[in-house]
């Protein structure tokens, strides 16, 4: 999603971050009201997103990606 050709995560006027100020949901789309975090700017926008759709069921030992791995391996890099 873009606003005035710029990414929707930042205000196209001042470049500050945006935060969600309200949400309207329907079966066809989700409309969010976003506001610039810069109080001097204070611009408000609408962003649109389609509702999530289920793609497939996941589960079992071979495809349980929702739970992740039980451990984390860290590798130290030599500088």
PDB file of N, CA and C in Angstrom:
ATOM      1  N   UNK A   1       0.842  -1.191   0.000  1.00  0.00           N
ATOM      2  CA  UNK A   1       0.000   0.000   0.000  1.00  0.00           C
ATOM      3  C   UNK A   1       0.872   1.233   0.000  1.00  0.00           C
ATOM      4  N   UNK A   2       0.496   2.208  -0.812  1.00  0.00           N
ATOM      5  CA  UNK A   2       1.226   3.459  -0.870  1.00  0.00           C
ATOM      6  C   UNK A   2       0.260   4.626  -0.736  1.00  0.00           C
ATOM      7  N   UNK A   3       0.768   5.716  -0.207  1.00  0.00           N
ATOM      8  CA  UNK A   3       0.030   6.973  -0.144  1.00  0.00           C
ATOM      9  C   UNK A   3       0.880   7.998  -0.860  1.00  0.00           C
ATOM     10  N   UNK A   4       0.326   8.590  -1.898  1.00  0.00           N
ATOM     11  CA  UNK A   4       1.045   9.588  -2.698  1.00  0.00           C
ATOM     12  C   UNK A   4       2.390   9.053  -3.183  1.00  0.00           C
ATOM     13  N   UNK A   5       2.443   7.763  -3.534  1.00  0.00           N
ATOM     14  CA  UNK A   5       3.654   7.174  -4.077  1.00  0.00           C
ATOM     15  C   UNK A   5       4.688   6.772  -3.057  1.00  0.00           C
ATOM     16  N   UNK A   6       4.385   6.921  -1.752  1.00  0.00           N
ATOM     17  CA  UNK A   6       5.336   6.552  -0.703  1.00  0.00           C
ATOM     18  C   UNK A   6       4.755   5.414   0.132  1.00  0.00           C
ATOM     19  N   UNK A   7       5.605   4.611   0.780  1.00  0.00           N
ATOM     20  CA  UNK A   7       5.099   3.507   1.601  1.00  0.00           C
ATOM     21  C   UNK A   7       4.146   4.003   2.684  1.00  0.00           C
ATOM     22  N   UNK A   8       3.125   3.216   2.989  1.00  0.00           N
ATOM     23  CA  UNK A   8       2.102   3.622   3.943  1.00  0.00           C
ATOM     24  C   UNK A   8       2.586   3.601   5.389  1.00  0.00           C
ATOM     25  N   UNK A   9       3.724   2.990   5.696  1.00  0.00           N
ATOM     26  CA  UNK A   9       4.219   2.952   7.066  1.00  0.00           C
ATOM     27  C   UNK A   9       4.729   4.311   7.527  1.00  0.00           C
ATOM     28  N   UNK A  10       5.023   5.202   6.588  1.00  0.00           N
ATOM     29  CA  UNK A  10       5.522   6.526   6.933  1.00  0.00           C
ATOM     30  C   UNK A  10       4.648   7.594   6.291  1.00  0.00           C
ATOM     31  N   UNK A  11       4.587   8.749   6.920  1.00  0.00           N
ATOM     32  CA  UNK A  11       3.806   9.871   6.407  1.00  0.00           C
ATOM     33  C   UNK A  11       4.456  10.392   5.123  1.00  0.00           C
ATOM     34  N   UNK A  12       3.677  10.543   4.056  1.00  0.00           N
ATOM     35  CA  UNK A  12       4.260  11.048   2.811  1.00  0.00           C
ATOM     36  C   UNK A  12       4.634  12.530   2.880  1.00  0.00           C
ATOM     37  N   UNK A  13       4.175  13.246   3.884  1.00  0.00           N
ATOM     38  CA  UNK A  13       4.494  14.672   4.016  1.00  0.00           C
ATOM     39  C   UNK A  13       5.760  14.919   4.814  1.00  0.00           C
ATOM     40  N   UNK A  14       5.898  14.246   5.990  1.00  0.00           N
ATOM     41  CA  UNK A  14       7.052  14.546   6.842  1.00  0.00           C
ATOM     42  C   UNK A  14       7.974  13.355   7.068  1.00  0.00           C
ATOM     43  N   UNK A  15       7.560  12.138   6.704  1.00  0.00           N
ATOM     44  CA  UNK A  15       8.405  10.962   6.852  1.00  0.00           C
ATOM     45  C   UNK A  15       8.334  10.290   8.206  1.00  0.00           C
ATOM     46  N   UNK A  16       7.512  10.814   9.120  1.00  0.00           N
ATOM     47  CA  UNK A  16       7.365  10.189  10.441  1.00  0.00           C
ATOM     48  C   UNK A  16       6.520   8.927  10.323  1.00  0.00           C
ATOM     49  N   UNK A  17       6.592   8.086  11.330  1.00  0.00           N
ATOM     50  CA  UNK A  17       5.806   6.854  11.338  1.00  0.00           C
ATOM     51  C   UNK A  17       4.321   7.134  11.487  1.00  0.00           C
ATOM     52  N   UNK A  18       3.505   6.172  11.069  1.00  0.00           N
ATOM     53  CA  UNK A  18       2.054   6.275  11.195  1.00  0.00           C
ATOM     54  C   UNK A  18       1.572   5.274  12.232  1.00  0.00           C
ATOM     55  N   UNK A  19       0.466   5.583  12.896  1.00  0.00           N
ATOM     56  CA  UNK A  19      -0.144   4.606  13.786  1.00  0.00           C
ATOM     57  C   UNK A  19      -1.634   4.513  13.491  1.00  0.00           C
ATOM     58  N   UNK A  20      -2.212   3.350  13.784  1.00  0.00           N
ATOM     59  CA  UNK A  20      -3.615   3.093  13.499  1.00  0.00           C
ATOM     60  C   UNK A  20      -4.473   3.808  14.529  1.00  0.00           C
ATOM     61  N   UNK A  21      -5.474   4.554  14.031  1.00  0.00           N
ATOM     62  CA  UNK A  21      -6.349   5.335  14.891  1.00  0.00           C
ATOM     63  C   UNK A  21      -7.762   4.765  14.936  1.00  0.00           C
ATOM     64  N   UNK A  22      -8.102   3.871  14.018  1.00  0.00           N
ATOM     65  CA  UNK A  22      -9.429   3.267  13.977  1.00  0.00           C
ATOM     66  C   UNK A  22      -9.497   2.237  12.869  1.00  0.00           C
ATOM     67  N   UNK A  23     -10.466   1.327  12.969  1.00  0.00           N
ATOM     68  CA  UNK A  23     -10.596   0.253  11.988  1.00  0.00           C
ATOM     69  C   UNK A  23     -12.067   0.022  11.685  1.00  0.00           C
ATOM     70  N   UNK A  24     -12.397  -0.137  10.404  1.00  0.00           N
ATOM     71  CA  UNK A  24     -13.723  -0.561   9.956  1.00  0.00           C
ATOM     72  C   UNK A  24     -13.537  -1.851   9.173  1.00  0.00           C
ATOM     73  N   UNK A  25     -14.265  -2.897   9.573  1.00  0.00           N
ATOM     74  CA  UNK A  25     -14.137  -4.195   8.905  1.00  0.00           C
ATOM     75  C   UNK A  25     -15.438  -4.563   8.212  1.00  0.00           C
ATOM     76  N   UNK A  26     -15.313  -5.094   7.003  1.00  0.00           N
ATOM     77  CA  UNK A  26     -16.439  -5.679   6.288  1.00  0.00           C
ATOM     78  C   UNK A  26     -15.990  -7.049   5.790  1.00  0.00           C
ATOM     79  N   UNK A  27     -16.878  -7.770   5.118  1.00  0.00           N
ATOM     80  CA  UNK A  27     -16.502  -9.065   4.555  1.00  0.00           C
ATOM     81  C   UNK A  27     -15.528  -8.923   3.400  1.00  0.00           C
ATOM     82  N   UNK A  28     -15.520  -7.768   2.749  1.00  0.00           N
ATOM     83  CA  UNK A  28     -14.715  -7.575   1.548  1.00  0.00           C
ATOM     84  C   UNK A  28     -13.365  -6.911   1.810  1.00  0.00           C
ATOM     85  N   UNK A  29     -13.262  -6.059   2.850  1.00  0.00           N
ATOM     86  CA  UNK A  29     -12.004  -5.353   3.090  1.00  0.00           C
ATOM     87  C   UNK A  29     -11.923  -4.853   4.521  1.00  0.00           C
ATOM     88  N   UNK A  30     -10.723  -4.479   4.923  1.00  0.00           N
ATOM     89  CA  UNK A  30     -10.466  -3.856   6.214  1.00  0.00           C
ATOM     90  C   UNK A  30      -9.942  -2.458   5.927  1.00  0.00           C
ATOM     91  N   UNK A  31     -10.598  -1.440   6.474  1.00  0.00           N
ATOM     92  CA  UNK A  31     -10.181  -0.049   6.279  1.00  0.00           C
ATOM     93  C   UNK A  31      -9.636   0.463   7.600  1.00  0.00           C
ATOM     94  N   UNK A  32      -8.417   0.976   7.564  1.00  0.00           N
ATOM     95  CA  UNK A  32      -7.788   1.517   8.764  1.00  0.00           C
ATOM     96  C   UNK A  32      -7.583   3.022   8.613  1.00  0.00           C
ATOM     97  N   UNK A  33      -7.847   3.738   9.683  1.00  0.00           N
ATOM     98  CA  UNK A  33      -7.522   5.155   9.745  1.00  0.00           C
ATOM     99  C   UNK A  33      -6.147   5.248  10.394  1.00  0.00           C
ATOM    100  N   UNK A  34      -5.198   5.851   9.716  1.00  0.00           N
ATOM    101  CA  UNK A  34      -3.849   5.999  10.256  1.00  0.00           C
ATOM    102  C   UNK A  34      -3.528   7.478  10.405  1.00  0.00           C
ATOM    103  N   UNK A  35      -2.773   7.781  11.459  1.00  0.00           N
ATOM    104  CA  UNK A  35      -2.450   9.160  11.793  1.00  0.00           C
ATOM    105  C   UNK A  35      -0.933   9.303  11.896  1.00  0.00           C
ATOM    106  N   UNK A  36      -0.418  10.424  11.431  1.00  0.00           N
ATOM    107  CA  UNK A  36       1.017  10.715  11.526  1.00  0.00           C
ATOM    108  C   UNK A  36       1.400  10.894  12.991  1.00  0.00           C
ATOM    109  N   UNK A  37       2.524  10.299  13.387  1.00  0.00           N
ATOM    110  CA  UNK A  37       3.003  10.420  14.772  1.00  0.00           C
ATOM    111  C   UNK A  37       3.571  11.802  15.070  1.00  0.00           C
ATOM    112  N   UNK A  38       3.925  12.536  14.041  1.00  0.00           N
ATOM    113  CA  UNK A  38       4.459  13.883  14.212  1.00  0.00           C
ATOM    114  C   UNK A  38       3.295  14.825  14.520  1.00  0.00           C
ATOM    115  N   UNK A  39       3.212  15.320  15.737  1.00  0.00           N
ATOM    116  CA  UNK A  39       2.089  16.186  16.130  1.00  0.00           C
ATOM    117  C   UNK A  39       2.045  17.481  15.329  1.00  0.00           C
ATOM    118  N   UNK A  40       3.173  17.953  14.866  1.00  0.00           N
ATOM    119  CA  UNK A  40       3.197  19.170  14.050  1.00  0.00           C
ATOM    120  C   UNK A  40       2.540  18.937  12.693  1.00  0.00           C
ATOM    121  N   UNK A  41       2.643  17.733  12.181  1.00  0.00           N
ATOM    122  CA  UNK A  41       2.064  17.386  10.889  1.00  0.00           C
ATOM    123  C   UNK A  41       0.601  16.975  11.079  1.00  0.00           C
ATOM    124  N   UNK A  42       0.376  15.893  11.829  1.00  0.00           N
ATOM    125  CA  UNK A  42      -0.966  15.454  12.182  1.00  0.00           C
ATOM    126  C   UNK A  42      -1.868  15.012  11.033  1.00  0.00           C
ATOM    127  N   UNK A  43      -1.308  14.655   9.894  1.00  0.00           N
ATOM    128  CA  UNK A  43      -2.127  14.219   8.749  1.00  0.00           C
ATOM    129  C   UNK A  43      -2.775  12.874   9.040  1.00  0.00           C
ATOM    130  N   UNK A  44      -3.990  12.651   8.509  1.00  0.00           N
ATOM    131  CA  UNK A  44      -4.709  11.383   8.656  1.00  0.00           C
ATOM    132  C   UNK A  44      -4.945  10.789   7.279  1.00  0.00           C
ATOM    133  N   UNK A  45      -4.890   9.459   7.204  1.00  0.00           N
ATOM    134  CA  UNK A  45      -5.070   8.755   5.939  1.00  0.00           C
ATOM    135  C   UNK A  45      -5.943   7.529   6.165  1.00  0.00           C
ATOM    136  N   UNK A  46      -6.428   6.964   5.074  1.00  0.00           N
ATOM    137  CA  UNK A  46      -7.114   5.682   5.076  1.00  0.00           C
ATOM    138  C   UNK A  46      -6.217   4.676   4.389  1.00  0.00           C
ATOM    139  N   UNK A  47      -6.120   3.478   4.957  1.00  0.00           N
ATOM    140  CA  UNK A  47      -5.417   2.391   4.286  1.00  0.00           C
ATOM    141  C   UNK A  47      -6.401   1.237   4.145  1.00  0.00           C
ATOM    142  N   UNK A  48      -6.237   0.437   3.115  1.00  0.00           N
ATOM    143  CA  UNK A  48      -7.161  -0.647   2.825  1.00  0.00           C
ATOM    144  C   UNK A  48      -6.411  -1.955   2.763  1.00  0.00           C
ATOM    145  N   UNK A  49      -7.020  -2.992   3.328  1.00  0.00           N
ATOM    146  CA  UNK A  49      -6.411  -4.318   3.310  1.00  0.00           C
ATOM    147  C   UNK A  49      -7.520  -5.352   3.163  1.00  0.00           C
ATOM    148  N   UNK A  50      -7.288  -6.319   2.334  1.00  0.00           N
ATOM    149  CA  UNK A  50      -8.260  -7.412   2.187  1.00  0.00           C
ATOM    150  C   UNK A  50      -8.197  -8.307   3.423  1.00  0.00           C
ATOM    151  N   UNK A  51      -9.318  -8.917   3.826  1.00  0.00           N
ATOM    152  CA  UNK A  51      -9.260  -9.850   4.958  1.00  0.00           C
ATOM    153  C   UNK A  51      -8.376 -11.059   4.638  1.00  0.00           C
ATOM    154  N   UNK A  52      -7.815 -11.631   5.690  1.00  0.00           N
ATOM    155  CA  UNK A  52      -6.958 -12.815   5.524  1.00  0.00           C
ATOM    156  C   UNK A  52      -7.783 -13.991   5.024  1.00  0.00           C
ATOM    157  N   UNK A  53      -7.170 -14.815   4.172  1.00  0.00           N
ATOM    158  CA  UNK A  53      -7.816 -16.017   3.661  1.00  0.00           C
ATOM    159  C   UNK A  53      -6.989 -17.225   4.092  1.00  0.00           C
ATOM    160  N   UNK A  54      -7.676 -18.277   4.516  1.00  0.00           N
ATOM    161  CA  UNK A  54      -6.971 -19.505   4.871  1.00  0.00           C
ATOM    162  C   UNK A  54      -6.438 -20.156   3.606  1.00  0.00           C
ATOM    163  N   UNK A  55      -5.166 -20.539   3.631  1.00  0.00           N
ATOM    164  CA  UNK A  55      -4.550 -21.161   2.472  1.00  0.00           C
ATOM    165  C   UNK A  55      -4.551 -22.673   2.596  1.00  0.00           C
ATOM    166  N   UNK A  56      -4.128 -23.198   3.766  1.00  0.00           N
ATOM    167  CA  UNK A  56      -4.103 -24.630   3.991  1.00  0.00           C
ATOM    168  C   UNK A  56      -3.935 -24.882   5.471  1.00  0.00           C
ATOM    169  N   UNK A  57      -4.249 -26.081   5.881  1.00  0.00           N
ATOM    170  CA  UNK A  57      -4.057 -26.478   7.266  1.00  0.00           C
ATOM    171  C   UNK A  57      -2.608 -26.890   7.461  1.00  0.00           C
ATOM    172  N   UNK A  58      -2.015 -26.479   8.564  1.00  0.00           N
ATOM    173  CA  UNK A  58      -0.654 -26.883   8.889  1.00  0.00           C
ATOM    174  C   UNK A  58      -0.696 -27.665  10.188  1.00  0.00           C
ATOM    175  N   UNK A  59       0.228 -28.547  10.347  1.00  0.00           N
ATOM    176  CA  UNK A  59       0.285 -29.331  11.578  1.00  0.00           C
ATOM    177  C   UNK A  59       1.058 -30.609  11.364  1.00  0.00           C
ATOM    178  N   UNK A  60       1.187 -31.356  12.428  1.00  0.00           N
ATOM    179  CA  UNK A  60       1.956 -32.587  12.354  1.00  0.00           C
ATOM    180  C   UNK A  60       3.425 -32.315  12.585  1.00  0.00           C
ATOM    181  N   UNK A  61       4.196 -33.380  12.601  1.00  0.00           N
ATOM    182  CA  UNK A  61       5.628 -33.248  12.874  1.00  0.00           C
ATOM    183  C   UNK A  61       6.393 -32.613  11.727  1.00  0.00           C
ATOM    184  N   UNK A  62       5.985 -32.892  10.495  1.00  0.00           N
ATOM    185  CA  UNK A  62       6.757 -32.417   9.346  1.00  0.00           C
ATOM    186  C   UNK A  62       6.401 -30.992   8.920  1.00  0.00           C
ATOM    187  N   UNK A  63       5.254 -30.471   9.356  1.00  0.00           N
ATOM    188  CA  UNK A  63       4.826 -29.149   8.881  1.00  0.00           C
ATOM    189  C   UNK A  63       4.217 -28.335  10.010  1.00  0.00           C
ATOM    190  N   UNK A  64       4.898 -28.226  11.114  1.00  0.00           N
ATOM    191  CA  UNK A  64       4.376 -27.491  12.257  1.00  0.00           C
ATOM    192  C   UNK A  64       5.106 -26.158  12.389  1.00  0.00           C
ATOM    193  N   UNK A  65       5.126 -25.377  11.325  1.00  0.00           N
ATOM    194  CA  UNK A  65       5.888 -24.135  11.297  1.00  0.00           C
ATOM    195  C   UNK A  65       5.319 -23.061  12.208  1.00  0.00           C
ATOM    196  N   UNK A  66       4.077 -23.178  12.632  1.00  0.00           N
ATOM    197  CA  UNK A  66       3.483 -22.173  13.506  1.00  0.00           C
ATOM    198  C   UNK A  66       4.128 -22.171  14.892  1.00  0.00           C
ATOM    199  N   UNK A  67       4.663 -23.314  15.319  1.00  0.00           N
ATOM    200  CA  UNK A  67       5.262 -23.395  16.642  1.00  0.00           C
ATOM    201  C   UNK A  67       6.756 -23.121  16.630  1.00  0.00           C
ATOM    202  N   UNK A  68       7.370 -23.135  15.493  1.00  0.00           N
ATOM    203  CA  UNK A  68       8.794 -22.865  15.392  1.00  0.00           C
ATOM    204  C   UNK A  68       9.640 -23.994  15.946  1.00  0.00           C
ATOM    205  N   UNK A  69      10.920 -23.753  16.064  1.00  0.00           N
ATOM    206  CA  UNK A  69      11.845 -24.758  16.576  1.00  0.00           C
ATOM    207  C   UNK A  69      11.935 -24.626  18.096  1.00  0.00           C
ATOM    208  N   UNK A  70      12.156 -25.744  18.795  1.00  0.00           N
ATOM    209  CA  UNK A  70      12.230 -25.678  20.254  1.00  0.00           C
ATOM    210  C   UNK A  70      13.519 -25.036  20.767  1.00  0.00           C
ATOM    211  N   UNK A  71      14.516 -24.860  19.916  1.00  0.00           N
ATOM    212  CA  UNK A  71      15.770 -24.258  20.355  1.00  0.00           C
ATOM    213  C   UNK A  71      16.295 -23.316  19.285  1.00  0.00           C
ATOM    214  N   UNK A  72      17.231 -22.482  19.687  1.00  0.00           N
ATOM    215  CA  UNK A  72      17.822 -21.498  18.795  1.00  0.00           C
ATOM    216  C   UNK A  72      19.323 -21.706  18.767  1.00  0.00           C
ATOM    217  N   UNK A  73      19.904 -21.751  17.580  1.00  0.00           N
ATOM    218  CA  UNK A  73      21.341 -21.910  17.441  1.00  0.00           C
ATOM    219  C   UNK A  73      21.936 -20.586  17.004  1.00  0.00           C
ATOM    220  N   UNK A  74      22.888 -20.072  17.772  1.00  0.00           N
ATOM    221  CA  UNK A  74      23.554 -18.818  17.435  1.00  0.00           C
ATOM    222  C   UNK A  74      24.978 -19.127  16.974  1.00  0.00           C
ATOM    223  N   UNK A  75      25.411 -18.442  15.936  1.00  0.00           N
ATOM    224  CA  UNK A  75      26.763 -18.610  15.402  1.00  0.00           C
ATOM    225  C   UNK A  75      27.498 -17.307  15.581  1.00  0.00           C
ATOM    226  N   UNK A  76      28.644 -17.361  16.224  1.00  0.00           N
ATOM    227  CA  UNK A  76      29.463 -16.184  16.437  1.00  0.00           C
ATOM    228  C   UNK A  76      30.339 -15.964  15.205  1.00  0.00           C
ATOM    229  N   UNK A  77      30.277 -14.761  14.663  1.00  0.00           N
ATOM    230  CA  UNK A  77      31.087 -14.446  13.495  1.00  0.00           C
ATOM    231  C   UNK A  77      32.371 -13.747  13.914  1.00  0.00           C
ATOM    232  N   UNK A  78      33.470 -14.115  13.285  1.00  0.00           N
ATOM    233  CA  UNK A  78      34.742 -13.459  13.550  1.00  0.00           C
ATOM    234  C   UNK A  78      34.795 -12.168  12.767  1.00  0.00           C
ATOM    235  N   UNK A  79      35.203 -11.104  13.435  1.00  0.00           N
ATOM    236  CA  UNK A  79      35.254  -9.790  12.769  1.00  0.00           C
ATOM    237  C   UNK A  79      36.652  -9.477  12.355  1.00  0.00           C
TER     238      UNK A  79
END
